Amino acid sequence: MIVYAEVECMMYTGHSLKEKRSIIKRITARLHRDFNVAVTELDYHDLWQRTKLGIVTISNEYQHAEQVIQEVLRVMDSYSELERTITDVERV
């Protein structure tokens, strides 16, 4: 099973694209390392306060894949630099 999430976020602490990229790089590296998910920035590349991330995981069981994505979202919520605004989770 493949579970895919699109997550839109606001970032209030950074004041430049360079700071935004640094924050996103740190978060995506941790998510990849801790959960073995693929993460990429999908949209708002030219805006320093907003981002849209795509996150995907693959498992032989839907429940496990959904559980991984929910844990990833929980970890994302723990970052004070990031506020999750819109989240769409799909089963592919």
PDB file of N, CA and C in Angstrom:
ATOM      1  N   MET A   1       0.825  -1.180   0.000  1.00  0.00           N
ATOM      2  CA  MET A   1       0.000   0.000   0.000  1.00  0.00           C
ATOM      3  C   MET A   1       0.875   1.252   0.000  1.00  0.00           C
ATOM      4  N   ILE A   2       0.417   2.241  -0.702  1.00  0.00           N
ATOM      5  CA  ILE A   2       1.099   3.527  -0.750  1.00  0.00           C
ATOM      6  C   ILE A   2       0.197   4.565  -0.087  1.00  0.00           C
ATOM      7  N   VAL A   3       0.747   5.310   0.846  1.00  0.00           N
ATOM      8  CA  VAL A   3       0.023   6.412   1.478  1.00  0.00           C
ATOM      9  C   VAL A   3       0.819   7.682   1.212  1.00  0.00           C
ATOM     10  N   TYR A   4       0.093   8.683   0.741  1.00  0.00           N
ATOM     11  CA  TYR A   4       0.696   9.933   0.297  1.00  0.00           C
ATOM     12  C   TYR A   4       0.031  11.096   1.023  1.00  0.00           C
ATOM     13  N   ALA A   5       0.831  12.038   1.490  1.00  0.00           N
ATOM     14  CA  ALA A   5       0.295  13.231   2.151  1.00  0.00           C
ATOM     15  C   ALA A   5       0.856  14.478   1.492  1.00  0.00           C
ATOM     16  N   GLU A   6      -0.021  15.451   1.268  1.00  0.00           N
ATOM     17  CA  GLU A   6       0.395  16.790   0.853  1.00  0.00           C
ATOM     18  C   GLU A   6       0.131  17.702   2.034  1.00  0.00           C
ATOM     19  N   VAL A   7       1.165  18.399   2.455  1.00  0.00           N
ATOM     20  CA  VAL A   7       1.088  19.210   3.663  1.00  0.00           C
ATOM     21  C   VAL A   7       1.508  20.642   3.342  1.00  0.00           C
ATOM     22  N   GLU A   8       0.591  21.575   3.542  1.00  0.00           N
ATOM     23  CA  GLU A   8       0.925  22.991   3.389  1.00  0.00           C
ATOM     24  C   GLU A   8       1.260  23.547   4.761  1.00  0.00           C
ATOM     25  N   CYS A   9       2.301  24.372   4.812  1.00  0.00           N
ATOM     26  CA  CYS A   9       2.776  24.904   6.083  1.00  0.00           C
ATOM     27  C   CYS A   9       3.119  26.379   5.954  1.00  0.00           C
ATOM     28  N   MET A  10       2.986  27.072   7.055  1.00  0.00           N
ATOM     29  CA  MET A  10       3.463  28.442   7.186  1.00  0.00           C
ATOM     30  C   MET A  10       4.700  28.403   8.070  1.00  0.00           C
ATOM     31  N   MET A  11       5.659  29.271   7.752  1.00  0.00           N
ATOM     32  CA  MET A  11       6.887  29.356   8.532  1.00  0.00           C
ATOM     33  C   MET A  11       7.105  30.817   8.905  1.00  0.00           C
ATOM     34  N   TYR A  12       7.134  31.075  10.203  1.00  0.00           N
ATOM     35  CA  TYR A  12       7.183  32.450  10.680  1.00  0.00           C
ATOM     36  C   TYR A  12       8.554  32.885  11.181  1.00  0.00           C
ATOM     37  N   THR A  13       9.445  31.952  11.454  1.00  0.00           N
ATOM     38  CA  THR A  13      10.725  32.330  12.057  1.00  0.00           C
ATOM     39  C   THR A  13      11.769  32.744  11.037  1.00  0.00           C
ATOM     40  N   GLY A  14      11.732  32.172   9.857  1.00  0.00           N
ATOM     41  CA  GLY A  14      12.717  32.525   8.835  1.00  0.00           C
ATOM     42  C   GLY A  14      12.359  33.836   8.162  1.00  0.00           C
ATOM     43  N   HIS A  15      13.381  34.540   7.701  1.00  0.00           N
ATOM     44  CA  HIS A  15      13.136  35.818   7.043  1.00  0.00           C
ATOM     45  C   HIS A  15      13.758  35.878   5.658  1.00  0.00           C
ATOM     46  N   SER A  16      14.059  34.706   5.099  1.00  0.00           N
ATOM     47  CA  SER A  16      14.631  34.661   3.758  1.00  0.00           C
ATOM     48  C   SER A  16      14.426  33.260   3.195  1.00  0.00           C
ATOM     49  N   LEU A  17      14.607  33.143   1.888  1.00  0.00           N
ATOM     50  CA  LEU A  17      14.523  31.831   1.256  1.00  0.00           C
ATOM     51  C   LEU A  17      15.623  30.904   1.757  1.00  0.00           C
ATOM     52  N   LYS A  18      16.777  31.475   2.063  1.00  0.00           N
ATOM     53  CA  LYS A  18      17.896  30.675   2.568  1.00  0.00           C
ATOM     54  C   LYS A  18      17.531  30.041   3.915  1.00  0.00           C
ATOM     55  N   GLU A  19      16.920  30.807   4.805  1.00  0.00           N
ATOM     56  CA  GLU A  19      16.501  30.268   6.100  1.00  0.00           C
ATOM     57  C   GLU A  19      15.394  29.230   5.923  1.00  0.00           C
ATOM     58  N   LYS A  20      14.460  29.493   4.998  1.00  0.00           N
ATOM     59  CA  LYS A  20      13.389  28.539   4.724  1.00  0.00           C
ATOM     60  C   LYS A  20      13.983  27.203   4.278  1.00  0.00           C
ATOM     61  N   ARG A  21      14.911  27.254   3.331  1.00  0.00           N
ATOM     62  CA  ARG A  21      15.536  26.024   2.831  1.00  0.00           C
ATOM     63  C   ARG A  21      16.263  25.273   3.937  1.00  0.00           C
ATOM     64  N   SER A  22      16.892  26.004   4.828  1.00  0.00           N
ATOM     65  CA  SER A  22      17.601  25.383   5.943  1.00  0.00           C
ATOM     66  C   SER A  22      16.630  24.634   6.854  1.00  0.00           C
ATOM     67  N   ILE A  23      15.510  25.251   7.165  1.00  0.00           N
ATOM     68  CA  ILE A  23      14.499  24.624   8.020  1.00  0.00           C
ATOM     69  C   ILE A  23      13.929  23.386   7.338  1.00  0.00           C
ATOM     70  N   ILE A  24      13.566  23.518   6.071  1.00  0.00           N
ATOM     71  CA  ILE A  24      12.977  22.396   5.338  1.00  0.00           C
ATOM     72  C   ILE A  24      13.981  21.253   5.217  1.00  0.00           C
ATOM     73  N   LYS A  25      15.217  21.580   4.942  1.00  0.00           N
ATOM     74  CA  LYS A  25      16.252  20.541   4.811  1.00  0.00           C
ATOM     75  C   LYS A  25      16.413  19.767   6.113  1.00  0.00           C
ATOM     76  N   ARG A  26      16.419  20.482   7.236  1.00  0.00           N
ATOM     77  CA  ARG A  26      16.574  19.834   8.544  1.00  0.00           C
ATOM     78  C   ARG A  26      15.387  18.916   8.841  1.00  0.00           C
ATOM     79  N   ILE A  27      14.173  19.391   8.562  1.00  0.00           N
ATOM     80  CA  ILE A  27      12.977  18.607   8.845  1.00  0.00           C
ATOM     81  C   ILE A  27      12.888  17.393   7.926  1.00  0.00           C
ATOM     82  N   THR A  28      13.108  17.600   6.629  1.00  0.00           N
ATOM     83  CA  THR A  28      13.003  16.480   5.694  1.00  0.00           C
ATOM     84  C   THR A  28      14.073  15.423   5.954  1.00  0.00           C
ATOM     85  N   ALA A  29      15.263  15.844   6.340  1.00  0.00           N
ATOM     86  CA  ALA A  29      16.325  14.882   6.662  1.00  0.00           C
ATOM     87  C   ALA A  29      15.929  14.029   7.862  1.00  0.00           C
ATOM     88  N   ARG A  30      15.351  14.657   8.878  1.00  0.00           N
ATOM     89  CA  ARG A  30      14.935  13.892  10.057  1.00  0.00           C
ATOM     90  C   ARG A  30      13.812  12.910   9.709  1.00  0.00           C
ATOM     91  N   LEU A  31      12.831  13.371   8.933  1.00  0.00           N
ATOM     92  CA  LEU A  31      11.716  12.493   8.575  1.00  0.00           C
ATOM     93  C   LEU A  31      12.207  11.307   7.751  1.00  0.00           C
ATOM     94  N   HIS A  32      13.111  11.558   6.830  1.00  0.00           N
ATOM     95  CA  HIS A  32      13.652  10.472   6.019  1.00  0.00           C
ATOM     96  C   HIS A  32      14.457   9.495   6.879  1.00  0.00           C
ATOM     97  N   ARG A  33      15.272  10.043   7.756  1.00  0.00           N
ATOM     98  CA  ARG A  33      16.122   9.209   8.615  1.00  0.00           C
ATOM     99  C   ARG A  33      15.287   8.387   9.605  1.00  0.00           C
ATOM    100  N   ASP A  34      14.326   9.035  10.274  1.00  0.00           N
ATOM    101  CA  ASP A  34      13.576   8.357  11.338  1.00  0.00           C
ATOM    102  C   ASP A  34      12.453   7.454  10.830  1.00  0.00           C
ATOM    103  N   PHE A  35      11.859   7.802   9.674  1.00  0.00           N
ATOM    104  CA  PHE A  35      10.680   7.063   9.211  1.00  0.00           C
ATOM    105  C   PHE A  35      10.846   6.432   7.832  1.00  0.00           C
ATOM    106  N   ASN A  36      11.978   6.672   7.170  1.00  0.00           N
ATOM    107  CA  ASN A  36      12.235   6.133   5.842  1.00  0.00           C
ATOM    108  C   ASN A  36      11.121   6.495   4.859  1.00  0.00           C
ATOM    109  N   VAL A  37      10.702   7.754   4.892  1.00  0.00           N
ATOM    110  CA  VAL A  37       9.709   8.264   3.953  1.00  0.00           C
ATOM    111  C   VAL A  37      10.412   9.159   2.941  1.00  0.00           C
ATOM    112  N   ALA A  38       9.777   9.320   1.790  1.00  0.00           N
ATOM    113  CA  ALA A  38      10.275  10.267   0.795  1.00  0.00           C
ATOM    114  C   ALA A  38       9.557  11.595   1.019  1.00  0.00           C
ATOM    115  N   VAL A  39      10.323  12.687   1.045  1.00  0.00           N
ATOM    116  CA  VAL A  39       9.766  14.016   1.280  1.00  0.00           C
ATOM    117  C   VAL A  39      10.358  14.974   0.256  1.00  0.00           C
ATOM    118  N   THR A  40       9.498  15.811  -0.326  1.00  0.00           N
ATOM    119  CA  THR A  40       9.981  16.831  -1.247  1.00  0.00           C
ATOM    120  C   THR A  40       9.093  18.070  -1.162  1.00  0.00           C
ATOM    121  N   GLU A  41       9.676  19.210  -1.483  1.00  0.00           N
ATOM    122  CA  GLU A  41       8.901  20.448  -1.539  1.00  0.00           C
ATOM    123  C   GLU A  41       8.204  20.502  -2.889  1.00  0.00           C
ATOM    124  N   LEU A  42       6.877  20.645  -2.867  1.00  0.00           N
ATOM    125  CA  LEU A  42       6.088  20.606  -4.089  1.00  0.00           C
ATOM    126  C   LEU A  42       5.756  21.982  -4.655  1.00  0.00           C
ATOM    127  N   ASP A  43       5.619  22.979  -3.797  1.00  0.00           N
ATOM    128  CA  ASP A  43       5.140  24.280  -4.263  1.00  0.00           C
ATOM    129  C   ASP A  43       5.659  25.388  -3.358  1.00  0.00           C
ATOM    130  N   TYR A  44       5.447  26.613  -3.793  1.00  0.00           N
ATOM    131  CA  TYR A  44       5.823  27.832  -3.066  1.00  0.00           C
ATOM    132  C   TYR A  44       7.335  27.953  -2.884  1.00  0.00           C
ATOM    133  N   HIS A  45       8.074  27.559  -3.904  1.00  0.00           N
ATOM    134  CA  HIS A  45       9.536  27.619  -3.852  1.00  0.00           C
ATOM    135  C   HIS A  45      10.057  29.043  -3.696  1.00  0.00           C
ATOM    136  N   ASP A  46       9.309  30.006  -4.197  1.00  0.00           N
ATOM    137  CA  ASP A  46       9.780  31.396  -4.182  1.00  0.00           C
ATOM    138  C   ASP A  46       9.213  32.215  -3.026  1.00  0.00           C
ATOM    139  N   LEU A  47       8.458  31.592  -2.132  1.00  0.00           N
ATOM    140  CA  LEU A  47       7.908  32.284  -0.963  1.00  0.00           C
ATOM    141  C   LEU A  47       8.628  31.802   0.293  1.00  0.00           C
ATOM    142  N   TRP A  48       9.098  32.729   1.117  1.00  0.00           N
ATOM    143  CA  TRP A  48       9.893  32.320   2.277  1.00  0.00           C
ATOM    144  C   TRP A  48       9.056  31.990   3.501  1.00  0.00           C
ATOM    145  N   GLN A  49       7.753  32.273   3.492  1.00  0.00           N
ATOM    146  CA  GLN A  49       6.925  31.959   4.654  1.00  0.00           C
ATOM    147  C   GLN A  49       5.972  30.797   4.427  1.00  0.00           C
ATOM    148  N   ARG A  50       6.021  30.192   3.267  1.00  0.00           N
ATOM    149  CA  ARG A  50       5.046  29.162   2.949  1.00  0.00           C
ATOM    150  C   ARG A  50       5.733  28.025   2.200  1.00  0.00           C
ATOM    151  N   THR A  51       5.237  26.802   2.439  1.00  0.00           N
ATOM    152  CA  THR A  51       5.753  25.643   1.717  1.00  0.00           C
ATOM    153  C   THR A  51       4.650  24.596   1.577  1.00  0.00           C
ATOM    154  N   LYS A  52       4.843  23.730   0.616  1.00  0.00           N
ATOM    155  CA  LYS A  52       3.962  22.580   0.441  1.00  0.00           C
ATOM    156  C   LYS A  52       4.860  21.371   0.249  1.00  0.00           C
ATOM    157  N   LEU A  53       4.712  20.402   1.144  1.00  0.00           N
ATOM    158  CA  LEU A  53       5.563  19.207   1.117  1.00  0.00           C
ATOM    159  C   LEU A  53       4.746  17.995   0.699  1.00  0.00           C
ATOM    160  N   GLY A  54       5.354  17.126  -0.069  1.00  0.00           N
ATOM    161  CA  GLY A  54       4.786  15.834  -0.398  1.00  0.00           C
ATOM    162  C   GLY A  54       5.540  14.760   0.362  1.00  0.00           C
ATOM    163  N   ILE A  55       4.791  13.881   1.012  1.00  0.00           N
ATOM    164  CA  ILE A  55       5.393  12.822   1.832  1.00  0.00           C
ATOM    165  C   ILE A  55       4.757  11.502   1.408  1.00  0.00           C
ATOM    166  N   VAL A  56       5.580  10.490   1.164  1.00  0.00           N
ATOM    167  CA  VAL A  56       5.044   9.204   0.731  1.00  0.00           C
ATOM    168  C   VAL A  56       5.747   8.059   1.454  1.00  0.00           C
ATOM    169  N   THR A  57       4.961   7.023   1.746  1.00  0.00           N
ATOM    170  CA  THR A  57       5.510   5.801   2.324  1.00  0.00           C
ATOM    171  C   THR A  57       4.847   4.606   1.662  1.00  0.00           C
ATOM    172  N   ILE A  58       5.561   3.499   1.637  1.00  0.00           N
ATOM    173  CA  ILE A  58       5.055   2.264   1.041  1.00  0.00           C
ATOM    174  C   ILE A  58       5.198   1.147   2.067  1.00  0.00           C
ATOM    175  N   SER A  59       4.139   0.350   2.185  1.00  0.00           N
ATOM    176  CA  SER A  59       4.156  -0.769   3.122  1.00  0.00           C
ATOM    177  C   SER A  59       3.293  -1.889   2.555  1.00  0.00           C
ATOM    178  N   ASN A  60       3.471  -3.078   3.055  1.00  0.00           N
ATOM    179  CA  ASN A  60       2.618  -4.176   2.604  1.00  0.00           C
ATOM    180  C   ASN A  60       1.260  -4.161   3.309  1.00  0.00           C
ATOM    181  N   GLU A  61       1.117  -3.322   4.335  1.00  0.00           N
ATOM    182  CA  GLU A  61      -0.162  -3.192   5.041  1.00  0.00           C
ATOM    183  C   GLU A  61      -0.576  -1.730   5.085  1.00  0.00           C
ATOM    184  N   TYR A  62      -1.835  -1.474   4.750  1.00  0.00           N
ATOM    185  CA  TYR A  62      -2.341  -0.103   4.756  1.00  0.00           C
ATOM    186  C   TYR A  62      -2.250   0.520   6.146  1.00  0.00           C
ATOM    187  N   GLN A  63      -2.610  -0.227   7.173  1.00  0.00           N
ATOM    188  CA  GLN A  63      -2.600   0.306   8.543  1.00  0.00           C
ATOM    189  C   GLN A  63      -1.215   0.779   8.941  1.00  0.00           C
ATOM    190  N   HIS A  64      -0.188   0.028   8.571  1.00  0.00           N
ATOM    191  CA  HIS A  64       1.177   0.418   8.905  1.00  0.00           C
ATOM    192  C   HIS A  64       1.566   1.694   8.173  1.00  0.00           C
ATOM    193  N   ALA A  65       1.260   1.784   6.891  1.00  0.00           N
ATOM    194  CA  ALA A  65       1.587   2.980   6.108  1.00  0.00           C
ATOM    195  C   ALA A  65       0.869   4.208   6.664  1.00  0.00           C
ATOM    196  N   GLU A  66      -0.391   4.049   7.007  1.00  0.00           N
ATOM    197  CA  GLU A  66      -1.161   5.163   7.595  1.00  0.00           C
ATOM    198  C   GLU A  66      -0.565   5.575   8.939  1.00  0.00           C
ATOM    199  N   GLN A  67      -0.157   4.614   9.721  1.00  0.00           N
ATOM    200  CA  GLN A  67       0.449   4.873  11.024  1.00  0.00           C
ATOM    201  C   GLN A  67       1.759   5.655  10.864  1.00  0.00           C
ATOM    202  N   VAL A  68       2.558   5.298   9.879  1.00  0.00           N
ATOM    203  CA  VAL A  68       3.812   6.007   9.622  1.00  0.00           C
ATOM    204  C   VAL A  68       3.532   7.458   9.256  1.00  0.00           C
ATOM    205  N   ILE A  69       2.587   7.683   8.352  1.00  0.00           N
ATOM    206  CA  ILE A  69       2.261   9.056   7.939  1.00  0.00           C
ATOM    207  C   ILE A  69       1.739   9.865   9.122  1.00  0.00           C
ATOM    208  N   GLN A  70       0.905   9.292   9.952  1.00  0.00           N
ATOM    209  CA  GLN A  70       0.373  10.016  11.116  1.00  0.00           C
ATOM    210  C   GLN A  70       1.495  10.368  12.099  1.00  0.00           C
ATOM    211  N   GLU A  71       2.445   9.484  12.260  1.00  0.00           N
ATOM    212  CA  GLU A  71       3.588   9.766  13.137  1.00  0.00           C
ATOM    213  C   GLU A  71       4.466  10.866  12.542  1.00  0.00           C
ATOM    214  N   VAL A  72       4.651  10.848  11.225  1.00  0.00           N
ATOM    215  CA  VAL A  72       5.395  11.916  10.550  1.00  0.00           C
ATOM    216  C   VAL A  72       4.724  13.257  10.788  1.00  0.00           C
ATOM    217  N   LEU A  73       3.406  13.309  10.658  1.00  0.00           N
ATOM    218  CA  LEU A  73       2.669  14.563  10.879  1.00  0.00           C
ATOM    219  C   LEU A  73       2.811  15.030  12.326  1.00  0.00           C
ATOM    220  N   ARG A  74       2.803  14.091  13.263  1.00  0.00           N
ATOM    221  CA  ARG A  74       2.979  14.444  14.673  1.00  0.00           C
ATOM    222  C   ARG A  74       4.352  15.066  14.905  1.00  0.00           C
ATOM    223  N   VAL A  75       5.380  14.484  14.299  1.00  0.00           N
ATOM    224  CA  VAL A  75       6.730  15.027  14.434  1.00  0.00           C
ATOM    225  C   VAL A  75       6.810  16.407  13.789  1.00  0.00           C
ATOM    226  N   MET A  76       6.194  16.570  12.635  1.00  0.00           N
ATOM    227  CA  MET A  76       6.194  17.890  11.990  1.00  0.00           C
ATOM    228  C   MET A  76       5.555  18.937  12.897  1.00  0.00           C
ATOM    229  N   ASP A  77       4.487  18.551  13.582  1.00  0.00           N
ATOM    230  CA  ASP A  77       3.809  19.479  14.496  1.00  0.00           C
ATOM    231  C   ASP A  77       4.670  19.862  15.686  1.00  0.00           C
ATOM    232  N   SER A  78       5.693  19.077  15.983  1.00  0.00           N
ATOM    233  CA  SER A  78       6.549  19.383  17.130  1.00  0.00           C
ATOM    234  C   SER A  78       7.544  20.501  16.828  1.00  0.00           C
ATOM    235  N   TYR A  79       7.720  20.855  15.571  1.00  0.00           N
ATOM    236  CA  TYR A  79       8.634  21.928  15.195  1.00  0.00           C
ATOM    237  C   TYR A  79       7.947  23.282  15.369  1.00  0.00           C
ATOM    238  N   SER A  80       8.550  24.143  16.189  1.00  0.00           N
ATOM    239  CA  SER A  80       7.949  25.456  16.436  1.00  0.00           C
ATOM    240  C   SER A  80       8.071  26.388  15.230  1.00  0.00           C
ATOM    241  N   GLU A  81       9.005  26.120  14.323  1.00  0.00           N
ATOM    242  CA  GLU A  81       9.200  26.976  13.147  1.00  0.00           C
ATOM    243  C   GLU A  81       8.121  26.766  12.094  1.00  0.00           C
ATOM    244  N   LEU A  82       7.355  25.701  12.230  1.00  0.00           N
ATOM    245  CA  LEU A  82       6.435  25.264  11.194  1.00  0.00           C
ATOM    246  C   LEU A  82       5.020  25.176  11.742  1.00  0.00           C
ATOM    247  N   GLU A  83       4.051  25.682  10.991  1.00  0.00           N
ATOM    248  CA  GLU A  83       2.647  25.499  11.358  1.00  0.00           C
ATOM    249  C   GLU A  83       1.949  24.822  10.192  1.00  0.00           C
ATOM    250  N   ARG A  84       1.448  23.622  10.449  1.00  0.00           N
ATOM    251  CA  ARG A  84       0.727  22.881   9.410  1.00  0.00           C
ATOM    252  C   ARG A  84      -0.651  23.510   9.229  1.00  0.00           C
ATOM    253  N   THR A  85      -0.995  23.891   7.989  1.00  0.00           N
ATOM    254  CA  THR A  85      -2.279  24.559   7.753  1.00  0.00           C
ATOM    255  C   THR A  85      -3.271  23.655   7.020  1.00  0.00           C
ATOM    256  N   ILE A  86      -2.838  22.989   5.977  1.00  0.00           N
ATOM    257  CA  ILE A  86      -3.710  22.110   5.203  1.00  0.00           C
ATOM    258  C   ILE A  86      -2.994  20.772   5.013  1.00  0.00           C
ATOM    259  N   THR A  87      -3.699  19.694   5.305  1.00  0.00           N
ATOM    260  CA  THR A  87      -3.110  18.365   5.141  1.00  0.00           C
ATOM    261  C   THR A  87      -4.105  17.469   4.424  1.00  0.00           C
ATOM    262  N   ASP A  88      -3.673  16.873   3.320  1.00  0.00           N
ATOM    263  CA  ASP A  88      -4.475  15.895   2.587  1.00  0.00           C
ATOM    264  C   ASP A  88      -3.708  14.587   2.563  1.00  0.00           C
ATOM    265  N   VAL A  89      -4.341  13.533   3.077  1.00  0.00           N
ATOM    266  CA  VAL A  89      -3.728  12.196   3.087  1.00  0.00           C
ATOM    267  C   VAL A  89      -4.553  11.302   2.172  1.00  0.00           C
ATOM    268  N   GLU A  90      -3.860  10.604   1.265  1.00  0.00           N
ATOM    269  CA  GLU A  90      -4.531   9.741   0.310  1.00  0.00           C
ATOM    270  C   GLU A  90      -3.908   8.366   0.297  1.00  0.00           C
ATOM    271  N   ARG A  91      -4.734   7.415   0.026  1.00  0.00           N
ATOM    272  CA  ARG A  91      -4.287   6.044  -0.217  1.00  0.00           C
ATOM    273  C   ARG A  91      -4.209   5.870  -1.721  1.00  0.00           C
ATOM    274  N   VAL A  92      -3.046   5.451  -2.200  1.00  0.00           N
ATOM    275  CA  VAL A  92      -2.852   5.328  -3.648  1.00  0.00           C
ATOM    276  C   VAL A  92      -2.859   3.874  -4.043  1.00  0.00           C
TER     277      VAL A  92
END
